[in-house]
């Protein structure tokens, strides 16, 4: 193998160019993904159901067992949740405490749950039909 000093001089700028292009492509992809998420964030408001809290994500069936306005929590007996949680009765935080005025013990609801700041939180609900 013949080594020429000028071949190393050509390889280094080429390697730098490849790295720079790769980093730019990754940054552009991340920027586009963040933009798409921001654009989609307000989309659900266009589909809000009158008389219910805006629903978000997969829904589960449940029955309201207790409304605790002071703690901003609602206790729901629910079936299996989309996140894999088995059926049980548990208290959830609510995304908007004013929703508690729409919930009464015994109401059958469909609700969406997400983890917000480490707490299982009702992020949307509607009366079951």
N, C-alpha and C. Protein backbone atom coordinates (compact mmCIF):
# COMPACT_ATOMS: atom_id res chain seq x y z
N UNK A 1 0.84 -1.17 0.00
CA UNK A 1 0.00 0.00 0.00
C UNK A 1 0.89 1.23 0.00
N UNK A 2 0.61 2.11 -0.89
CA UNK A 2 1.39 3.34 -0.98
C UNK A 2 0.68 4.43 -0.20
N UNK A 3 1.37 5.01 0.76
CA UNK A 3 0.81 6.09 1.55
C UNK A 3 1.35 7.40 1.01
N UNK A 4 0.43 8.28 0.70
CA UNK A 4 0.84 9.60 0.22
C UNK A 4 0.38 10.63 1.24
N UNK A 5 1.24 11.50 1.69
CA UNK A 5 0.87 12.50 2.70
C UNK A 5 -0.32 13.36 2.29
N UNK A 6 -0.49 13.61 1.00
CA UNK A 6 -1.59 14.46 0.57
C UNK A 6 -2.95 13.76 0.67
N UNK A 7 -2.98 12.39 0.72
CA UNK A 7 -4.25 11.68 0.86
C UNK A 7 -4.86 11.91 2.24
N UNK A 8 -4.05 12.01 3.27
CA UNK A 8 -4.54 12.31 4.61
C UNK A 8 -5.09 13.74 4.66
N UNK A 9 -4.45 14.63 3.98
CA UNK A 9 -4.89 16.02 3.95
C UNK A 9 -6.26 16.14 3.30
N UNK A 10 -6.57 15.29 2.33
CA UNK A 10 -7.88 15.31 1.68
C UNK A 10 -8.94 14.61 2.53
N UNK A 11 -8.56 13.58 3.26
CA UNK A 11 -9.52 12.79 4.04
C UNK A 11 -10.09 13.59 5.22
N UNK A 12 -9.30 14.38 5.89
CA UNK A 12 -9.77 15.11 7.06
C UNK A 12 -10.88 16.12 6.73
N UNK A 13 -10.72 16.95 5.71
CA UNK A 13 -11.82 17.88 5.39
C UNK A 13 -13.07 17.14 4.92
N UNK A 14 -12.90 16.04 4.22
CA UNK A 14 -14.05 15.26 3.77
C UNK A 14 -14.79 14.67 4.98
N UNK A 15 -14.06 14.14 5.95
CA UNK A 15 -14.68 13.59 7.16
C UNK A 15 -15.42 14.68 7.92
N UNK A 16 -14.82 15.86 8.01
CA UNK A 16 -15.48 16.97 8.70
C UNK A 16 -16.77 17.36 7.98
N UNK A 17 -16.74 17.36 6.66
CA UNK A 17 -17.93 17.72 5.88
C UNK A 17 -19.04 16.70 6.10
N UNK A 18 -18.69 15.42 6.13
CA UNK A 18 -19.69 14.37 6.35
C UNK A 18 -20.30 14.52 7.73
N UNK A 19 -19.49 14.77 8.74
CA UNK A 19 -20.00 14.96 10.10
C UNK A 19 -20.90 16.19 10.17
N UNK A 20 -20.48 17.27 9.53
CA UNK A 20 -21.29 18.51 9.55
C UNK A 20 -22.64 18.30 8.88
N UNK A 21 -22.64 17.63 7.74
CA UNK A 21 -23.90 17.37 7.03
C UNK A 21 -24.81 16.48 7.86
N UNK A 22 -24.24 15.46 8.50
CA UNK A 22 -25.03 14.56 9.34
C UNK A 22 -25.65 15.32 10.51
N UNK A 23 -24.88 16.16 11.17
CA UNK A 23 -25.41 16.94 12.29
C UNK A 23 -26.50 17.90 11.85
N UNK A 24 -26.33 18.52 10.69
CA UNK A 24 -27.37 19.41 10.17
C UNK A 24 -28.65 18.65 9.86
N UNK A 25 -28.52 17.47 9.28
CA UNK A 25 -29.70 16.65 8.97
C UNK A 25 -30.42 16.24 10.24
N UNK A 26 -29.67 15.85 11.26
CA UNK A 26 -30.30 15.47 12.54
C UNK A 26 -31.00 16.66 13.19
N UNK A 27 -30.37 17.81 13.16
CA UNK A 27 -30.98 19.00 13.75
C UNK A 27 -32.25 19.39 13.00
N UNK A 28 -32.22 19.32 11.69
CA UNK A 28 -33.39 19.65 10.89
C UNK A 28 -34.53 18.68 11.19
N UNK A 29 -34.23 17.40 11.31
CA UNK A 29 -35.26 16.40 11.63
C UNK A 29 -35.88 16.65 12.99
N UNK A 30 -35.06 16.97 13.98
CA UNK A 30 -35.58 17.25 15.32
C UNK A 30 -36.45 18.50 15.30
N UNK A 31 -36.03 19.51 14.55
CA UNK A 31 -36.81 20.75 14.45
C UNK A 31 -38.16 20.50 13.80
N UNK A 32 -38.18 19.70 12.74
CA UNK A 32 -39.44 19.39 12.07
C UNK A 32 -40.37 18.60 12.98
N UNK A 33 -39.82 17.66 13.74
CA UNK A 33 -40.65 16.87 14.66
C UNK A 33 -41.25 17.76 15.74
N UNK A 34 -40.46 18.68 16.28
CA UNK A 34 -40.98 19.59 17.31
C UNK A 34 -42.05 20.50 16.72
N UNK A 35 -41.83 20.97 15.51
CA UNK A 35 -42.83 21.83 14.86
C UNK A 35 -44.14 21.07 14.63
N UNK A 36 -44.04 19.83 14.18
CA UNK A 36 -45.24 19.03 13.94
C UNK A 36 -45.99 18.80 15.25
N UNK A 37 -45.27 18.54 16.34
CA UNK A 37 -45.93 18.34 17.63
C UNK A 37 -46.64 19.62 18.08
N UNK A 38 -45.98 20.78 17.88
CA UNK A 38 -46.61 22.04 18.26
C UNK A 38 -47.86 22.31 17.42
N UNK A 39 -47.78 22.03 16.14
CA UNK A 39 -48.92 22.24 15.25
C UNK A 39 -50.09 21.35 15.65
N UNK A 40 -49.81 20.13 16.07
CA UNK A 40 -50.86 19.18 16.40
C UNK A 40 -51.44 19.42 17.80
N UNK A 41 -50.70 20.10 18.67
CA UNK A 41 -51.12 20.27 20.06
C UNK A 41 -52.49 20.92 20.18
N UNK A 42 -52.82 21.89 19.36
CA UNK A 42 -54.10 22.56 19.46
C UNK A 42 -55.19 21.95 18.60
N UNK A 43 -54.88 20.91 17.87
CA UNK A 43 -55.83 20.31 16.95
C UNK A 43 -57.05 19.74 17.64
N UNK A 44 -56.88 19.15 18.81
CA UNK A 44 -58.00 18.51 19.50
C UNK A 44 -59.10 19.48 19.87
N UNK A 45 -58.79 20.75 20.05
CA UNK A 45 -59.81 21.72 20.43
C UNK A 45 -60.89 21.86 19.37
N UNK A 46 -60.55 21.56 18.13
CA UNK A 46 -61.53 21.67 17.06
C UNK A 46 -62.59 20.58 17.16
N UNK A 47 -62.31 19.52 17.91
CA UNK A 47 -63.21 18.38 18.00
C UNK A 47 -63.82 18.22 19.39
N UNK A 48 -63.82 19.25 20.20
CA UNK A 48 -64.36 19.16 21.56
C UNK A 48 -65.84 18.83 21.50
N UNK A 49 -66.28 18.00 22.43
CA UNK A 49 -67.68 17.59 22.50
C UNK A 49 -68.41 18.55 23.41
N UNK A 50 -69.51 19.17 22.96
CA UNK A 50 -70.24 20.11 23.82
C UNK A 50 -70.71 19.40 25.10
N UNK A 51 -70.60 20.10 26.22
CA UNK A 51 -71.09 19.55 27.48
C UNK A 51 -70.12 18.60 28.14
N UNK A 52 -68.88 18.53 27.66
CA UNK A 52 -67.90 17.66 28.30
C UNK A 52 -66.54 18.32 28.23
N UNK A 53 -65.61 17.78 29.00
CA UNK A 53 -64.25 18.27 28.94
C UNK A 53 -63.63 17.73 27.65
N UNK A 54 -62.76 18.51 27.05
CA UNK A 54 -62.12 18.08 25.81
C UNK A 54 -61.43 16.74 26.02
N UNK A 55 -61.71 15.79 25.17
CA UNK A 55 -61.11 14.48 25.28
C UNK A 55 -59.77 14.45 24.56
N UNK A 56 -58.89 13.59 25.02
CA UNK A 56 -57.56 13.50 24.45
C UNK A 56 -57.06 12.07 24.55
N UNK A 57 -56.72 11.47 23.45
CA UNK A 57 -56.15 10.13 23.47
C UNK A 57 -57.21 9.06 23.63
N UNK A 58 -56.75 7.81 23.75
CA UNK A 58 -57.67 6.68 23.91
C UNK A 58 -58.50 6.83 25.18
N UNK A 59 -59.74 6.41 25.11
CA UNK A 59 -60.67 6.57 26.23
C UNK A 59 -60.90 5.24 26.93
N UNK A 60 -61.21 5.31 28.21
CA UNK A 60 -61.57 4.15 29.02
C UNK A 60 -62.93 4.42 29.64
N UNK A 61 -63.64 3.34 29.96
CA UNK A 61 -64.95 3.47 30.62
C UNK A 61 -64.77 3.48 32.12
N UNK A 62 -65.61 4.25 32.81
CA UNK A 62 -65.53 4.28 34.26
C UNK A 62 -66.81 4.81 34.88
N UNK A 63 -66.88 4.66 36.21
CA UNK A 63 -68.01 5.18 36.99
C UNK A 63 -67.41 6.05 38.09
N UNK A 64 -67.91 7.28 38.20
CA UNK A 64 -67.44 8.21 39.22
C UNK A 64 -67.89 7.70 40.59
N UNK A 65 -66.95 7.51 41.49
CA UNK A 65 -67.25 7.05 42.84
C UNK A 65 -67.21 8.18 43.86
N UNK A 66 -66.34 9.19 43.60
CA UNK A 66 -66.21 10.30 44.55
C UNK A 66 -65.60 11.49 43.83
N UNK A 67 -66.10 12.68 44.17
CA UNK A 67 -65.54 13.92 43.66
C UNK A 67 -65.00 14.68 44.86
N UNK A 68 -63.71 14.99 44.85
CA UNK A 68 -63.06 15.72 45.95
C UNK A 68 -62.54 17.04 45.40
N UNK A 69 -63.41 18.06 45.43
CA UNK A 69 -63.05 19.36 44.87
C UNK A 69 -61.88 19.99 45.61
N UNK A 70 -61.81 19.82 46.93
CA UNK A 70 -60.74 20.43 47.72
C UNK A 70 -59.37 19.90 47.29
N UNK A 71 -59.30 18.61 46.95
CA UNK A 71 -58.03 18.01 46.54
C UNK A 71 -57.88 17.99 45.02
N UNK A 72 -58.89 18.48 44.30
CA UNK A 72 -58.90 18.47 42.82
C UNK A 72 -58.68 17.06 42.29
N UNK A 73 -59.44 16.09 42.87
CA UNK A 73 -59.31 14.69 42.47
C UNK A 73 -60.69 14.07 42.28
N UNK A 74 -60.73 13.06 41.42
CA UNK A 74 -61.95 12.30 41.21
C UNK A 74 -61.59 10.82 41.33
N UNK A 75 -62.41 10.08 42.07
CA UNK A 75 -62.19 8.64 42.21
C UNK A 75 -63.09 7.95 41.19
N UNK A 76 -62.48 7.07 40.40
CA UNK A 76 -63.19 6.40 39.31
C UNK A 76 -62.96 4.89 39.40
N UNK A 77 -64.06 4.13 39.32
CA UNK A 77 -63.96 2.68 39.14
C UNK A 77 -63.90 2.48 37.64
N UNK A 78 -62.80 1.90 37.16
CA UNK A 78 -62.61 1.84 35.71
C UNK A 78 -62.24 0.44 35.24
N UNK A 79 -62.46 0.23 33.96
CA UNK A 79 -62.00 -0.99 33.31
C UNK A 79 -60.51 -0.84 33.01
N UNK A 80 -59.98 -1.77 32.24
CA UNK A 80 -58.57 -1.70 31.86
C UNK A 80 -58.30 -0.40 31.11
N UNK A 81 -57.19 0.23 31.44
CA UNK A 81 -56.82 1.49 30.78
C UNK A 81 -55.94 1.19 29.57
N UNK A 82 -55.96 2.08 28.58
CA UNK A 82 -55.14 1.88 27.39
C UNK A 82 -53.64 1.74 27.69
N UNK A 83 -53.19 2.27 28.83
CA UNK A 83 -51.77 2.16 29.18
C UNK A 83 -51.42 0.81 29.80
N UNK A 84 -52.42 -0.09 29.91
CA UNK A 84 -52.17 -1.43 30.45
C UNK A 84 -52.57 -1.60 31.91
N UNK A 85 -52.97 -0.54 32.58
CA UNK A 85 -53.38 -0.64 33.97
C UNK A 85 -54.65 -1.49 34.05
N UNK A 86 -54.69 -2.47 34.96
CA UNK A 86 -55.86 -3.34 35.07
C UNK A 86 -57.06 -2.61 35.69
N UNK A 87 -58.24 -3.19 35.58
CA UNK A 87 -59.43 -2.58 36.20
C UNK A 87 -59.24 -2.40 37.71
N UNK A 88 -59.68 -1.27 38.22
CA UNK A 88 -59.60 -0.98 39.66
C UNK A 88 -60.37 0.30 39.95
N UNK A 89 -60.41 0.67 41.20
CA UNK A 89 -60.96 1.96 41.62
C UNK A 89 -59.81 2.77 42.17
N UNK A 90 -59.64 3.97 41.64
CA UNK A 90 -58.54 4.82 42.13
C UNK A 90 -58.87 6.29 41.94
N UNK A 91 -58.16 7.12 42.69
CA UNK A 91 -58.32 8.57 42.60
C UNK A 91 -57.35 9.12 41.56
N UNK A 92 -57.83 10.03 40.74
CA UNK A 92 -57.03 10.68 39.72
C UNK A 92 -57.04 12.18 39.95
N UNK A 93 -55.94 12.84 39.64
CA UNK A 93 -55.94 14.29 39.54
C UNK A 93 -56.72 14.64 38.27
N UNK A 94 -57.13 15.90 38.15
CA UNK A 94 -57.82 16.34 36.94
C UNK A 94 -57.04 17.49 36.32
N UNK A 95 -57.00 17.53 35.02
CA UNK A 95 -56.28 18.57 34.29
C UNK A 95 -56.84 19.94 34.62
N UNK A 96 -58.17 20.03 34.72
CA UNK A 96 -58.84 21.29 34.99
C UNK A 96 -59.82 21.09 36.15
N UNK A 97 -59.52 21.64 37.32
CA UNK A 97 -60.39 21.43 38.49
C UNK A 97 -61.84 21.87 38.28
N UNK A 98 -62.10 22.77 37.33
CA UNK A 98 -63.49 23.19 37.10
C UNK A 98 -64.32 22.04 36.53
N UNK A 99 -63.67 21.03 35.96
CA UNK A 99 -64.40 19.86 35.44
C UNK A 99 -65.15 19.14 36.55
N UNK A 100 -64.65 19.25 37.78
CA UNK A 100 -65.27 18.52 38.89
C UNK A 100 -66.72 18.94 39.11
N UNK A 101 -67.08 20.16 38.69
CA UNK A 101 -68.47 20.61 38.84
C UNK A 101 -69.39 19.86 37.88
N UNK A 102 -68.84 19.24 36.84
CA UNK A 102 -69.63 18.49 35.86
C UNK A 102 -69.76 17.01 36.23
N UNK A 103 -69.01 16.58 37.24
CA UNK A 103 -69.00 15.16 37.62
C UNK A 103 -69.75 14.95 38.93
N UNK A 104 -70.55 13.93 38.95
CA UNK A 104 -71.31 13.56 40.16
C UNK A 104 -71.12 12.07 40.41
N UNK A 105 -71.18 11.68 41.68
CA UNK A 105 -71.08 10.27 42.04
C UNK A 105 -72.12 9.47 41.26
N UNK A 106 -71.67 8.37 40.68
CA UNK A 106 -72.56 7.50 39.91
C UNK A 106 -72.56 7.77 38.41
N UNK A 107 -72.00 8.92 37.98
CA UNK A 107 -71.93 9.21 36.53
C UNK A 107 -71.10 8.14 35.82
N UNK A 108 -71.63 7.67 34.70
CA UNK A 108 -70.85 6.78 33.83
C UNK A 108 -70.15 7.68 32.83
N UNK A 109 -68.83 7.52 32.74
CA UNK A 109 -68.04 8.39 31.86
C UNK A 109 -67.08 7.57 31.01
N UNK A 110 -66.60 8.23 29.96
CA UNK A 110 -65.45 7.76 29.20
C UNK A 110 -64.39 8.82 29.45
N UNK A 111 -63.17 8.39 29.74
CA UNK A 111 -62.16 9.36 30.10
C UNK A 111 -60.79 8.97 29.56
N UNK A 112 -59.96 9.98 29.39
CA UNK A 112 -58.58 9.80 28.94
C UNK A 112 -57.67 10.17 30.10
N UNK A 113 -56.63 9.37 30.27
CA UNK A 113 -55.68 9.58 31.36
C UNK A 113 -54.28 9.69 30.79
N UNK A 114 -53.49 10.57 31.39
CA UNK A 114 -52.08 10.69 31.02
C UNK A 114 -51.30 10.98 32.30
N UNK A 115 -50.02 10.73 32.26
CA UNK A 115 -49.17 11.05 33.41
C UNK A 115 -48.70 12.49 33.25
N UNK A 116 -49.06 13.34 34.21
CA UNK A 116 -48.68 14.74 34.21
C UNK A 116 -47.87 15.00 35.47
N UNK A 117 -46.64 15.40 35.31
CA UNK A 117 -45.74 15.63 36.45
C UNK A 117 -45.71 14.42 37.40
N UNK A 118 -45.71 13.23 36.83
CA UNK A 118 -45.61 12.00 37.63
C UNK A 118 -46.91 11.55 38.26
N UNK A 119 -48.03 12.21 37.95
CA UNK A 119 -49.32 11.87 38.55
C UNK A 119 -50.32 11.46 37.47
N UNK A 120 -51.00 10.34 37.69
CA UNK A 120 -52.05 9.93 36.75
C UNK A 120 -53.15 10.98 36.80
N UNK A 121 -53.45 11.58 35.63
CA UNK A 121 -54.35 12.72 35.55
C UNK A 121 -55.39 12.51 34.46
N UNK A 122 -56.66 12.80 34.79
CA UNK A 122 -57.72 12.80 33.79
C UNK A 122 -57.48 14.03 32.92
N UNK A 123 -57.23 13.79 31.62
CA UNK A 123 -56.95 14.88 30.70
C UNK A 123 -58.12 15.17 29.77
N UNK A 124 -59.19 14.40 29.92
CA UNK A 124 -60.39 14.63 29.14
C UNK A 124 -61.45 13.61 29.54
N UNK A 125 -62.72 13.97 29.38
CA UNK A 125 -63.79 13.01 29.68
C UNK A 125 -65.04 13.41 28.93
N UNK A 126 -65.95 12.45 28.85
CA UNK A 126 -67.29 12.70 28.32
C UNK A 126 -68.24 11.77 29.00
N UNK A 127 -69.50 12.14 29.04
CA UNK A 127 -70.53 11.26 29.60
C UNK A 127 -70.66 10.06 28.71
N UNK A 128 -70.76 8.86 29.30
CA UNK A 128 -70.96 7.66 28.52
C UNK A 128 -72.40 7.65 28.01
N UNK A 129 -72.58 7.11 26.84
CA UNK A 129 -73.93 7.09 26.25
C UNK A 129 -74.63 5.80 26.54
